Amino acid sequence: MDAIADEAMADDNRLPADVESQPLVRAAAGLQPLLRELHDEIEREQRFPRALVEKMREAGLYRMVIPRSLGGYQADALTYLRAVELMAEGCGSVGWNLANNGIVQL
């Protein structure tokens, strides 16, 4: 391995062996039924219900990429992308919003 690859695999940046078992991924999967239920309302009203935003906040989804030193989860890229993917499967607009929220935080 070269120096860049070695550094990328430092302890804090290791990819999880099983991304599906990561708490943030499980939280996103757990919200899918609610997202499917709210999908039509979200598209019609063009806004997210406050209760959904609160559930996403409680699940830590808005803090996925924030460094631990700043109170976030410092999620690895695979965990972040899988959580976003699961949210988008439930409601594309929510997945898009969550992805953009994470990009802005980087």
PDB file of N, CA and C in Angstrom:
ATOM      1  N   MET A   1       0.840  -1.195   0.000  1.00  0.00           N
ATOM      2  CA  MET A   1       0.000   0.000   0.000  1.00  0.00           C
ATOM      3  C   MET A   1       0.874   1.244   0.000  1.00  0.00           C
ATOM      4  N   ASP A   2       0.359   2.288  -0.596  1.00  0.00           N
ATOM      5  CA  ASP A   2       1.115   3.536  -0.573  1.00  0.00           C
ATOM      6  C   ASP A   2       0.732   4.364   0.654  1.00  0.00           C
ATOM      7  N   ALA A   3       1.428   5.465   0.861  1.00  0.00           N
ATOM      8  CA  ALA A   3       1.227   6.291   2.059  1.00  0.00           C
ATOM      9  C   ALA A   3      -0.184   6.853   2.138  1.00  0.00           C
ATOM     10  N   ILE A   4      -0.761   7.244   1.014  1.00  0.00           N
ATOM     11  CA  ILE A   4      -2.119   7.797   1.021  1.00  0.00           C
ATOM     12  C   ILE A   4      -3.117   6.731   1.439  1.00  0.00           C
ATOM     13  N   ALA A   5      -2.982   5.538   0.893  1.00  0.00           N
ATOM     14  CA  ALA A   5      -3.889   4.457   1.263  1.00  0.00           C
ATOM     15  C   ALA A   5      -3.737   4.097   2.733  1.00  0.00           C
ATOM     16  N   ASP A   6      -2.493   4.064   3.214  1.00  0.00           N
ATOM     17  CA  ASP A   6      -2.264   3.766   4.633  1.00  0.00           C
ATOM     18  C   ASP A   6      -2.953   4.792   5.522  1.00  0.00           C
ATOM     19  N   GLU A   7      -2.825   6.057   5.174  1.00  0.00           N
ATOM     20  CA  GLU A   7      -3.440   7.109   5.982  1.00  0.00           C
ATOM     21  C   GLU A   7      -4.958   7.025   5.915  1.00  0.00           C
ATOM     22  N   ALA A   8      -5.497   6.707   4.750  1.00  0.00           N
ATOM     23  CA  ALA A   8      -6.949   6.616   4.592  1.00  0.00           C
ATOM     24  C   ALA A   8      -7.533   5.503   5.442  1.00  0.00           C
ATOM     25  N   MET A   9      -6.730   4.508   5.763  1.00  0.00           N
ATOM     26  CA  MET A   9      -7.226   3.391   6.558  1.00  0.00           C
ATOM     27  C   MET A   9      -6.870   3.527   8.036  1.00  0.00           C
ATOM     28  N   ALA A  10      -6.537   4.729   8.474  1.00  0.00           N
ATOM     29  CA  ALA A  10      -6.260   4.959   9.896  1.00  0.00           C
ATOM     30  C   ALA A  10      -7.486   4.572  10.709  1.00  0.00           C
ATOM     31  N   ASP A  11      -7.286   4.266  11.981  1.00  0.00           N
ATOM     32  CA  ASP A  11      -8.364   3.756  12.832  1.00  0.00           C
ATOM     33  C   ASP A  11      -9.676   4.509  12.706  1.00  0.00           C
ATOM     34  N   ASP A  12      -9.657   5.833  12.722  1.00  0.00           N
ATOM     35  CA  ASP A  12     -10.893   6.600  12.674  1.00  0.00           C
ATOM     36  C   ASP A  12     -11.559   6.580  11.312  1.00  0.00           C
ATOM     37  N   ASN A  13     -10.879   6.100  10.303  1.00  0.00           N
ATOM     38  CA  ASN A  13     -11.430   6.123   8.955  1.00  0.00           C
ATOM     39  C   ASN A  13     -11.696   4.735   8.383  1.00  0.00           C
ATOM     40  N   ARG A  14     -11.589   3.721   9.177  1.00  0.00           N
ATOM     41  CA  ARG A  14     -11.810   2.369   8.664  1.00  0.00           C
ATOM     42  C   ARG A  14     -13.262   2.181   8.273  1.00  0.00           C
ATOM     43  N   LEU A  15     -13.452   1.503   7.176  1.00  0.00           N
ATOM     44  CA  LEU A  15     -14.806   1.182   6.750  1.00  0.00           C
ATOM     45  C   LEU A  15     -15.312   0.025   7.593  1.00  0.00           C
ATOM     46  N   PRO A  16     -16.574   0.072   7.969  1.00  0.00           N
ATOM     47  CA  PRO A  16     -17.117  -1.005   8.791  1.00  0.00           C
ATOM     48  C   PRO A  16     -17.188  -2.307   7.998  1.00  0.00           C
ATOM     49  N   ALA A  17     -16.991  -3.416   8.678  1.00  0.00           N
ATOM     50  CA  ALA A  17     -17.064  -4.718   8.023  1.00  0.00           C
ATOM     51  C   ALA A  17     -18.476  -4.975   7.506  1.00  0.00           C
ATOM     52  N   ASP A  18     -19.466  -4.537   8.251  1.00  0.00           N
ATOM     53  CA  ASP A  18     -20.864  -4.734   7.872  1.00  0.00           C
ATOM     54  C   ASP A  18     -21.594  -3.410   8.035  1.00  0.00           C
ATOM     55  N   VAL A  19     -21.690  -2.660   6.953  1.00  0.00           N
ATOM     56  CA  VAL A  19     -22.288  -1.324   7.033  1.00  0.00           C
ATOM     57  C   VAL A  19     -23.738  -1.380   7.503  1.00  0.00           C
ATOM     58  N   GLU A  20     -24.449  -2.453   7.187  1.00  0.00           N
ATOM     59  CA  GLU A  20     -25.861  -2.553   7.575  1.00  0.00           C
ATOM     60  C   GLU A  20     -26.040  -2.599   9.089  1.00  0.00           C
ATOM     61  N   SER A  21     -24.996  -2.977   9.816  1.00  0.00           N
ATOM     62  CA  SER A  21     -25.104  -3.063  11.275  1.00  0.00           C
ATOM     63  C   SER A  21     -24.797  -1.731  11.961  1.00  0.00           C
ATOM     64  N   GLN A  22     -24.372  -0.732  11.213  1.00  0.00           N
ATOM     65  CA  GLN A  22     -24.031   0.564  11.802  1.00  0.00           C
ATOM     66  C   GLN A  22     -25.291   1.246  12.336  1.00  0.00           C
ATOM     67  N   PRO A  23     -25.230   1.834  13.529  1.00  0.00           N
ATOM     68  CA  PRO A  23     -26.415   2.464  14.131  1.00  0.00           C
ATOM     69  C   PRO A  23     -27.084   3.508  13.239  1.00  0.00           C
ATOM     70  N   LEU A  24     -26.319   4.325  12.538  1.00  0.00           N
ATOM     71  CA  LEU A  24     -26.925   5.337  11.667  1.00  0.00           C
ATOM     72  C   LEU A  24     -27.660   4.693  10.494  1.00  0.00           C
ATOM     73  N   VAL A  25     -27.130   3.615   9.976  1.00  0.00           N
ATOM     74  CA  VAL A  25     -27.782   2.895   8.878  1.00  0.00           C
ATOM     75  C   VAL A  25     -29.057   2.232   9.386  1.00  0.00           C
ATOM     76  N   ARG A  26     -28.990   1.631  10.557  1.00  0.00           N
ATOM     77  CA  ARG A  26     -30.194   1.019  11.139  1.00  0.00           C
ATOM     78  C   ARG A  26     -31.262   2.074  11.413  1.00  0.00           C
ATOM     79  N   ALA A  27     -30.841   3.246  11.867  1.00  0.00           N
ATOM     80  CA  ALA A  27     -31.796   4.332  12.128  1.00  0.00           C
ATOM     81  C   ALA A  27     -32.478   4.761  10.833  1.00  0.00           C
ATOM     82  N   ALA A  28     -31.705   4.897   9.765  1.00  0.00           N
ATOM     83  CA  ALA A  28     -32.277   5.281   8.470  1.00  0.00           C
ATOM     84  C   ALA A  28     -33.250   4.214   7.974  1.00  0.00           C
ATOM     85  N   ALA A  29     -32.872   2.952   8.101  1.00  0.00           N
ATOM     86  CA  ALA A  29     -33.757   1.862   7.680  1.00  0.00           C
ATOM     87  C   ALA A  29     -35.045   1.875   8.497  1.00  0.00           C
ATOM     88  N   GLY A  30     -34.928   2.193   9.773  1.00  0.00           N
ATOM     89  CA  GLY A  30     -36.100   2.235  10.639  1.00  0.00           C
ATOM     90  C   GLY A  30     -37.073   3.349  10.296  1.00  0.00           C
ATOM     91  N   LEU A  31     -36.588   4.386   9.631  1.00  0.00           N
ATOM     92  CA  LEU A  31     -37.454   5.502   9.243  1.00  0.00           C
ATOM     93  C   LEU A  31     -38.132   5.286   7.889  1.00  0.00           C
ATOM     94  N   GLN A  32     -37.743   4.273   7.150  1.00  0.00           N
ATOM     95  CA  GLN A  32     -38.321   4.051   5.825  1.00  0.00           C
ATOM     96  C   GLN A  32     -39.845   3.921   5.830  1.00  0.00           C
ATOM     97  N   PRO A  33     -40.448   3.156   6.734  1.00  0.00           N
ATOM     98  CA  PRO A  33     -41.916   3.076   6.711  1.00  0.00           C
ATOM     99  C   PRO A  33     -42.582   4.445   6.890  1.00  0.00           C
ATOM    100  N   LEU A  34     -42.053   5.263   7.775  1.00  0.00           N
ATOM    101  CA  LEU A  34     -42.605   6.603   7.976  1.00  0.00           C
ATOM    102  C   LEU A  34     -42.428   7.450   6.720  1.00  0.00           C
ATOM    103  N   LEU A  35     -41.274   7.355   6.083  1.00  0.00           N
ATOM    104  CA  LEU A  35     -41.029   8.118   4.860  1.00  0.00           C
ATOM    105  C   LEU A  35     -41.999   7.719   3.758  1.00  0.00           C
ATOM    106  N   ARG A  36     -42.240   6.435   3.627  1.00  0.00           N
ATOM    107  CA  ARG A  36     -43.185   5.973   2.598  1.00  0.00           C
ATOM    108  C   ARG A  36     -44.593   6.477   2.901  1.00  0.00           C
ATOM    109  N   GLU A  37     -44.938   6.480   4.173  1.00  0.00           N
ATOM    110  CA  GLU A  37     -46.253   6.969   4.594  1.00  0.00           C
ATOM    111  C   GLU A  37     -46.405   8.466   4.306  1.00  0.00           C
ATOM    112  N   LEU A  38     -45.345   9.222   4.505  1.00  0.00           N
ATOM    113  CA  LEU A  38     -45.392  10.679   4.340  1.00  0.00           C
ATOM    114  C   LEU A  38     -45.055  11.156   2.925  1.00  0.00           C
ATOM    115  N   HIS A  39     -44.627  10.250   2.063  1.00  0.00           N
ATOM    116  CA  HIS A  39     -44.136  10.633   0.734  1.00  0.00           C
ATOM    117  C   HIS A  39     -45.084  11.572  -0.004  1.00  0.00           C
ATOM    118  N   ASP A  40     -46.349  11.188  -0.161  1.00  0.00           N
ATOM    119  CA  ASP A  40     -47.291  12.012  -0.926  1.00  0.00           C
ATOM    120  C   ASP A  40     -47.489  13.382  -0.290  1.00  0.00           C
ATOM    121  N   GLU A  41     -47.584  13.416   1.039  1.00  0.00           N
ATOM    122  CA  GLU A  41     -47.733  14.698   1.738  1.00  0.00           C
ATOM    123  C   GLU A  41     -46.512  15.591   1.508  1.00  0.00           C
ATOM    124  N   ILE A  42     -45.333  15.011   1.600  1.00  0.00           N
ATOM    125  CA  ILE A  42     -44.102  15.781   1.405  1.00  0.00           C
ATOM    126  C   ILE A  42     -44.062  16.377  -0.004  1.00  0.00           C
ATOM    127  N   GLU A  43     -44.400  15.576  -1.000  1.00  0.00           N
ATOM    128  CA  GLU A  43     -44.377  16.062  -2.379  1.00  0.00           C
ATOM    129  C   GLU A  43     -45.461  17.110  -2.615  1.00  0.00           C
ATOM    130  N   ARG A  44     -46.634  16.893  -2.057  1.00  0.00           N
ATOM    131  CA  ARG A  44     -47.744  17.835  -2.236  1.00  0.00           C
ATOM    132  C   ARG A  44     -47.465  19.167  -1.543  1.00  0.00           C
ATOM    133  N   GLU A  45     -47.030  19.103  -0.299  1.00  0.00           N
ATOM    134  CA  GLU A  45     -46.818  20.312   0.508  1.00  0.00           C
ATOM    135  C   GLU A  45     -45.454  20.961   0.254  1.00  0.00           C
ATOM    136  N   GLN A  46     -44.545  20.210  -0.368  1.00  0.00           N
ATOM    137  CA  GLN A  46     -43.182  20.671  -0.644  1.00  0.00           C
ATOM    138  C   GLN A  46     -42.464  21.139   0.619  1.00  0.00           C
ATOM    139  N   ARG A  47     -42.639  20.360   1.669  1.00  0.00           N
ATOM    140  CA  ARG A  47     -41.960  20.615   2.939  1.00  0.00           C
ATOM    141  C   ARG A  47     -41.969  19.319   3.735  1.00  0.00           C
ATOM    142  N   PHE A  48     -41.083  19.246   4.711  1.00  0.00           N
ATOM    143  CA  PHE A  48     -41.030  18.077   5.584  1.00  0.00           C
ATOM    144  C   PHE A  48     -41.823  18.376   6.841  1.00  0.00           C
ATOM    145  N   PRO A  49     -42.665  17.446   7.263  1.00  0.00           N
ATOM    146  CA  PRO A  49     -43.367  17.651   8.531  1.00  0.00           C
ATOM    147  C   PRO A  49     -42.358  17.791   9.678  1.00  0.00           C
ATOM    148  N   ARG A  50     -42.668  18.660  10.606  1.00  0.00           N
ATOM    149  CA  ARG A  50     -41.782  18.907  11.748  1.00  0.00           C
ATOM    150  C   ARG A  50     -41.461  17.605  12.487  1.00  0.00           C
ATOM    151  N   ALA A  51     -42.452  16.731  12.617  1.00  0.00           N
ATOM    152  CA  ALA A  51     -42.233  15.467  13.332  1.00  0.00           C
ATOM    153  C   ALA A  51     -41.163  14.615  12.639  1.00  0.00           C
ATOM    154  N   LEU A  52     -41.124  14.630  11.317  1.00  0.00           N
ATOM    155  CA  LEU A  52     -40.106  13.875  10.584  1.00  0.00           C
ATOM    156  C   LEU A  52     -38.722  14.472  10.817  1.00  0.00           C
ATOM    157  N   VAL A  53     -38.624  15.780  10.735  1.00  0.00           N
ATOM    158  CA  VAL A  53     -37.339  16.445  10.966  1.00  0.00           C
ATOM    159  C   VAL A  53     -36.831  16.120  12.369  1.00  0.00           C
ATOM    160  N   GLU A  54     -37.733  16.114  13.330  1.00  0.00           N
ATOM    161  CA  GLU A  54     -37.346  15.806  14.712  1.00  0.00           C
ATOM    162  C   GLU A  54     -36.855  14.358  14.832  1.00  0.00           C
ATOM    163  N   LYS A  55     -37.539  13.431  14.173  1.00  0.00           N
ATOM    164  CA  LYS A  55     -37.109  12.024  14.220  1.00  0.00           C
ATOM    165  C   LYS A  55     -35.731  11.846  13.562  1.00  0.00           C
ATOM    166  N   MET A  56     -35.493  12.558  12.477  1.00  0.00           N
ATOM    167  CA  MET A  56     -34.188  12.488  11.824  1.00  0.00           C
ATOM    168  C   MET A  56     -33.107  13.080  12.721  1.00  0.00           C
ATOM    169  N   ARG A  57     -33.440  14.162  13.406  1.00  0.00           N
ATOM    170  CA  ARG A  57     -32.486  14.779  14.335  1.00  0.00           C
ATOM    171  C   ARG A  57     -32.177  13.823  15.481  1.00  0.00           C
ATOM    172  N   GLU A  58     -33.227  13.239  16.062  1.00  0.00           N
ATOM    173  CA  GLU A  58     -33.044  12.298  17.174  1.00  0.00           C
ATOM    174  C   GLU A  58     -32.202  11.093  16.753  1.00  0.00           C
ATOM    175  N   ALA A  59     -32.354  10.668  15.503  1.00  0.00           N
ATOM    176  CA  ALA A  59     -31.597   9.520  14.993  1.00  0.00           C
ATOM    177  C   ALA A  59     -30.139   9.870  14.706  1.00  0.00           C
ATOM    178  N   GLY A  60     -29.807  11.153  14.744  1.00  0.00           N
ATOM    179  CA  GLY A  60     -28.434  11.577  14.497  1.00  0.00           C
ATOM    180  C   GLY A  60     -28.089  11.753  13.031  1.00  0.00           C
ATOM    181  N   LEU A  61     -29.087  11.701  12.163  1.00  0.00           N
ATOM    182  CA  LEU A  61     -28.811  11.746  10.732  1.00  0.00           C
ATOM    183  C   LEU A  61     -28.280  13.096  10.262  1.00  0.00           C
ATOM    184  N   TYR A  62     -28.604  14.152  10.970  1.00  0.00           N
ATOM    185  CA  TYR A  62     -28.092  15.471  10.593  1.00  0.00           C
ATOM    186  C   TYR A  62     -26.676  15.714  11.113  1.00  0.00           C
ATOM    187  N   ARG A  63     -26.147  14.780  11.914  1.00  0.00           N
ATOM    188  CA  ARG A  63     -24.792  14.935  12.471  1.00  0.00           C
ATOM    189  C   ARG A  63     -23.845  13.855  11.973  1.00  0.00           C
ATOM    190  N   MET A  64     -24.225  13.159  10.913  1.00  0.00           N
ATOM    191  CA  MET A  64     -23.421  12.024  10.456  1.00  0.00           C
ATOM    192  C   MET A  64     -21.981  12.386  10.135  1.00  0.00           C
ATOM    193  N   VAL A  65     -21.770  13.461   9.400  1.00  0.00           N
ATOM    194  CA  VAL A  65     -20.415  13.766   8.925  1.00  0.00           C
ATOM    195  C   VAL A  65     -19.694  14.805   9.771  1.00  0.00           C
ATOM    196  N   ILE A  66     -20.352  15.329  10.770  1.00  0.00           N
ATOM    197  CA  ILE A  66     -19.710  16.302  11.657  1.00  0.00           C
ATOM    198  C   ILE A  66     -18.661  15.569  12.498  1.00  0.00           C
ATOM    199  N   PRO A  67     -17.471  16.127  12.652  1.00  0.00           N
ATOM    200  CA  PRO A  67     -16.430  15.473  13.457  1.00  0.00           C
ATOM    201  C   PRO A  67     -16.883  15.223  14.902  1.00  0.00           C
ATOM    202  N   ARG A  68     -16.375  14.153  15.473  1.00  0.00           N
ATOM    203  CA  ARG A  68     -16.697  13.832  16.874  1.00  0.00           C
ATOM    204  C   ARG A  68     -16.335  14.990  17.798  1.00  0.00           C
ATOM    205  N   SER A  69     -15.238  15.656  17.495  1.00  0.00           N
ATOM    206  CA  SER A  69     -14.784  16.760  18.349  1.00  0.00           C
ATOM    207  C   SER A  69     -15.779  17.916  18.375  1.00  0.00           C
ATOM    208  N   LEU A  70     -16.697  17.937  17.414  1.00  0.00           N
ATOM    209  CA  LEU A  70     -17.722  18.983  17.362  1.00  0.00           C
ATOM    210  C   LEU A  70     -19.112  18.445  17.684  1.00  0.00           C
ATOM    211  N   GLY A  71     -19.163  17.231  18.226  1.00  0.00           N
ATOM    212  CA  GLY A  71     -20.437  16.652  18.640  1.00  0.00           C
ATOM    213  C   GLY A  71     -21.130  15.795  17.604  1.00  0.00           C
ATOM    214  N   GLY A  72     -20.440  15.483  16.518  1.00  0.00           N
ATOM    215  CA  GLY A  72     -21.034  14.654  15.479  1.00  0.00           C
ATOM    216  C   GLY A  72     -20.610  13.203  15.594  1.00  0.00           C
ATOM    217  N   TYR A  73     -20.948  12.428  14.571  1.00  0.00           N
ATOM    218  CA  TYR A  73     -20.627  11.000  14.558  1.00  0.00           C
ATOM    219  C   TYR A  73     -19.412  10.668  13.690  1.00  0.00           C
ATOM    220  N   GLN A  74     -18.976  11.615  12.874  1.00  0.00           N
ATOM    221  CA  GLN A  74     -17.808  11.402  12.017  1.00  0.00           C
ATOM    222  C   GLN A  74     -17.926  10.073  11.268  1.00  0.00           C
ATOM    223  N   ALA A  75     -19.080   9.869  10.648  1.00  0.00           N
ATOM    224  CA  ALA A  75     -19.342   8.617   9.940  1.00  0.00           C
ATOM    225  C   ALA A  75     -18.425   8.473   8.731  1.00  0.00           C
ATOM    226  N   ASP A  76     -18.037   7.254   8.455  1.00  0.00           N
ATOM    227  CA  ASP A  76     -17.254   6.979   7.256  1.00  0.00           C
ATOM    228  C   ASP A  76     -18.156   7.149   6.028  1.00  0.00           C
ATOM    229  N   ALA A  77     -17.547   7.257   4.869  1.00  0.00           N
ATOM    230  CA  ALA A  77     -18.290   7.533   3.636  1.00  0.00           C
ATOM    231  C   ALA A  77     -19.317   6.457   3.318  1.00  0.00           C
ATOM    232  N   LEU A  78     -18.971   5.197   3.525  1.00  0.00           N
ATOM    233  CA  LEU A  78     -19.890   4.113   3.206  1.00  0.00           C
ATOM    234  C   LEU A  78     -21.130   4.159   4.092  1.00  0.00           C
ATOM    235  N   THR A  79     -20.950   4.409   5.371  1.00  0.00           N
ATOM    236  CA  THR A  79     -22.087   4.516   6.290  1.00  0.00           C
ATOM    237  C   THR A  79     -22.967   5.695   5.901  1.00  0.00           C
ATOM    238  N   TYR A  80     -22.341   6.835   5.647  1.00  0.00           N
ATOM    239  CA  TYR A  80     -23.084   8.036   5.242  1.00  0.00           C
ATOM    240  C   TYR A  80     -23.897   7.774   3.974  1.00  0.00           C
ATOM    241  N   LEU A  81     -23.253   7.226   2.956  1.00  0.00           N
ATOM    242  CA  LEU A  81     -23.940   6.998   1.687  1.00  0.00           C
ATOM    243  C   LEU A  81     -25.054   5.972   1.806  1.00  0.00           C
ATOM    244  N   ARG A  82     -24.840   4.930   2.600  1.00  0.00           N
ATOM    245  CA  ARG A  82     -25.895   3.916   2.763  1.00  0.00           C
ATOM    246  C   ARG A  82     -27.087   4.508   3.503  1.00  0.00           C
ATOM    247  N   ALA A  83     -26.850   5.322   4.522  1.00  0.00           N
ATOM    248  CA  ALA A  83     -27.954   5.955   5.246  1.00  0.00           C
ATOM    249  C   ALA A  83     -28.741   6.873   4.315  1.00  0.00           C
ATOM    250  N   VAL A  84     -28.044   7.654   3.512  1.00  0.00           N
ATOM    251  CA  VAL A  84     -28.714   8.537   2.547  1.00  0.00           C
ATOM    252  C   VAL A  84     -29.506   7.711   1.539  1.00  0.00           C
ATOM    253  N   GLU A  85     -28.910   6.637   1.055  1.00  0.00           N
ATOM    254  CA  GLU A  85     -29.580   5.772   0.090  1.00  0.00           C
ATOM    255  C   GLU A  85     -30.884   5.210   0.663  1.00  0.00           C
ATOM    256  N   LEU A  86     -30.842   4.746   1.901  1.00  0.00           N
ATOM    257  CA  LEU A  86     -32.044   4.198   2.532  1.00  0.00           C
ATOM    258  C   LEU A  86     -33.127   5.258   2.695  1.00  0.00           C
ATOM    259  N   MET A  87     -32.723   6.457   3.068  1.00  0.00           N
ATOM    260  CA  MET A  87     -33.700   7.536   3.208  1.00  0.00           C
ATOM    261  C   MET A  87     -34.310   7.869   1.845  1.00  0.00           C
ATOM    262  N   ALA A  88     -33.497   7.880   0.796  1.00  0.00           N
ATOM    263  CA  ALA A  88     -33.991   8.176  -0.549  1.00  0.00           C
ATOM    264  C   ALA A  88     -34.932   7.090  -1.057  1.00  0.00           C
ATOM    265  N   GLU A  89     -34.695   5.854  -0.653  1.00  0.00           N
ATOM    266  CA  GLU A  89     -35.610   4.780  -1.035  1.00  0.00           C
ATOM    267  C   GLU A  89     -36.990   5.015  -0.437  1.00  0.00           C
ATOM    268  N   GLY A  90     -37.029   5.581   0.762  1.00  0.00           N
ATOM    269  CA  GLY A  90     -38.312   5.875   1.406  1.00  0.00           C
ATOM    270  C   GLY A  90     -38.983   7.093   0.808  1.00  0.00           C
ATOM    271  N   CYS A  91     -38.203   8.121   0.516  1.00  0.00           N
ATOM    272  CA  CYS A  91     -38.704   9.354  -0.102  1.00  0.00           C
ATOM    273  C   CYS A  91     -37.512  10.062  -0.731  1.00  0.00           C
ATOM    274  N   GLY A  92     -37.527  10.166  -2.036  1.00  0.00           N
ATOM    275  CA  GLY A  92     -36.408  10.765  -2.748  1.00  0.00           C
ATOM    276  C   GLY A  92     -36.063  12.166  -2.278  1.00  0.00           C
ATOM    277  N   SER A  93     -37.079  12.960  -1.980  1.00  0.00           N
ATOM    278  CA  SER A  93     -36.830  14.338  -1.537  1.00  0.00           C
ATOM    279  C   SER A  93     -36.083  14.376  -0.213  1.00  0.00           C
ATOM    280  N   VAL A  94     -36.419  13.470   0.670  1.00  0.00           N
ATOM    281  CA  VAL A  94     -35.749  13.425   1.971  1.00  0.00           C
ATOM    282  C   VAL A  94     -34.300  12.984   1.793  1.00  0.00           C
ATOM    283  N   GLY A  95     -34.075  11.980   0.955  1.00  0.00           N
ATOM    284  CA  GLY A  95     -32.709  11.541   0.689  1.00  0.00           C
ATOM    285  C   GLY A  95     -31.872  12.644   0.074  1.00  0.00           C
ATOM    286  N   TRP A  96     -32.453  13.374  -0.871  1.00  0.00           N
ATOM    287  CA  TRP A  96     -31.746  14.485  -1.517  1.00  0.00           C
ATOM    288  C   TRP A  96     -31.382  15.545  -0.488  1.00  0.00           C
ATOM    289  N   ASN A  97     -32.340  15.883   0.371  1.00  0.00           N
ATOM    290  CA  ASN A  97     -32.108  16.893   1.405  1.00  0.00           C
ATOM    291  C   ASN A  97     -31.005  16.451   2.359  1.00  0.00           C
ATOM    292  N   LEU A  98     -31.065  15.205   2.797  1.00  0.00           N
ATOM    293  CA  LEU A  98     -30.070  14.698   3.738  1.00  0.00           C
ATOM    294  C   LEU A  98     -28.677  14.674   3.100  1.00  0.00           C
ATOM    295  N   ALA A  99     -28.601  14.267   1.843  1.00  0.00           N
ATOM    296  CA  ALA A  99     -27.311  14.244   1.148  1.00  0.00           C
ATOM    297  C   ALA A  99     -26.727  15.644   1.048  1.00  0.00           C
ATOM    298  N   ASN A 100     -27.542  16.605   0.680  1.00  0.00           N
ATOM    299  CA  ASN A 100     -27.057  17.982   0.558  1.00  0.00           C
ATOM    300  C   ASN A 100     -26.690  18.569   1.907  1.00  0.00           C
ATOM    301  N   ASN A 101     -27.417  18.216   2.934  1.00  0.00           N
ATOM    302  CA  ASN A 101     -27.084  18.663   4.283  1.00  0.00           C
ATOM    303  C   ASN A 101     -25.687  18.168   4.658  1.00  0.00           C
ATOM    304  N   GLY A 102     -25.402  16.912   4.357  1.00  0.00           N
ATOM    305  CA  GLY A 102     -24.091  16.351   4.666  1.00  0.00           C
ATOM    306  C   GLY A 102     -22.977  16.990   3.866  1.00  0.00           C
ATOM    307  N   ILE A 103     -23.237  17.271   2.596  1.00  0.00           N
ATOM    308  CA  ILE A 103     -22.222  17.894   1.743  1.00  0.00           C
ATOM    309  C   ILE A 103     -21.863  19.274   2.271  1.00  0.00           C
ATOM    310  N   VAL A 104     -22.856  20.031   2.682  1.00  0.00           N
ATOM    311  CA  VAL A 104     -22.625  21.381   3.205  1.00  0.00           C
ATOM    312  C   VAL A 104     -21.759  21.320   4.461  1.00  0.00           C
ATOM    313  N   GLN A 105     -21.944  20.299   5.277  1.00  0.00           N
ATOM    314  CA  GLN A 105     -21.194  20.180   6.524  1.00  0.00           C
ATOM    315  C   GLN A 105     -19.739  19.813   6.293  1.00  0.00           C
ATOM    316  N   LEU A 106     -19.452  19.207   5.157  1.00  0.00           N
ATOM    317  CA  LEU A 106     -18.067  18.838   4.869  1.00  0.00           C
ATOM    318  C   LEU A 106     -17.262  20.088   4.648  1.00  0.00           C
TER     319      LEU A 106
END
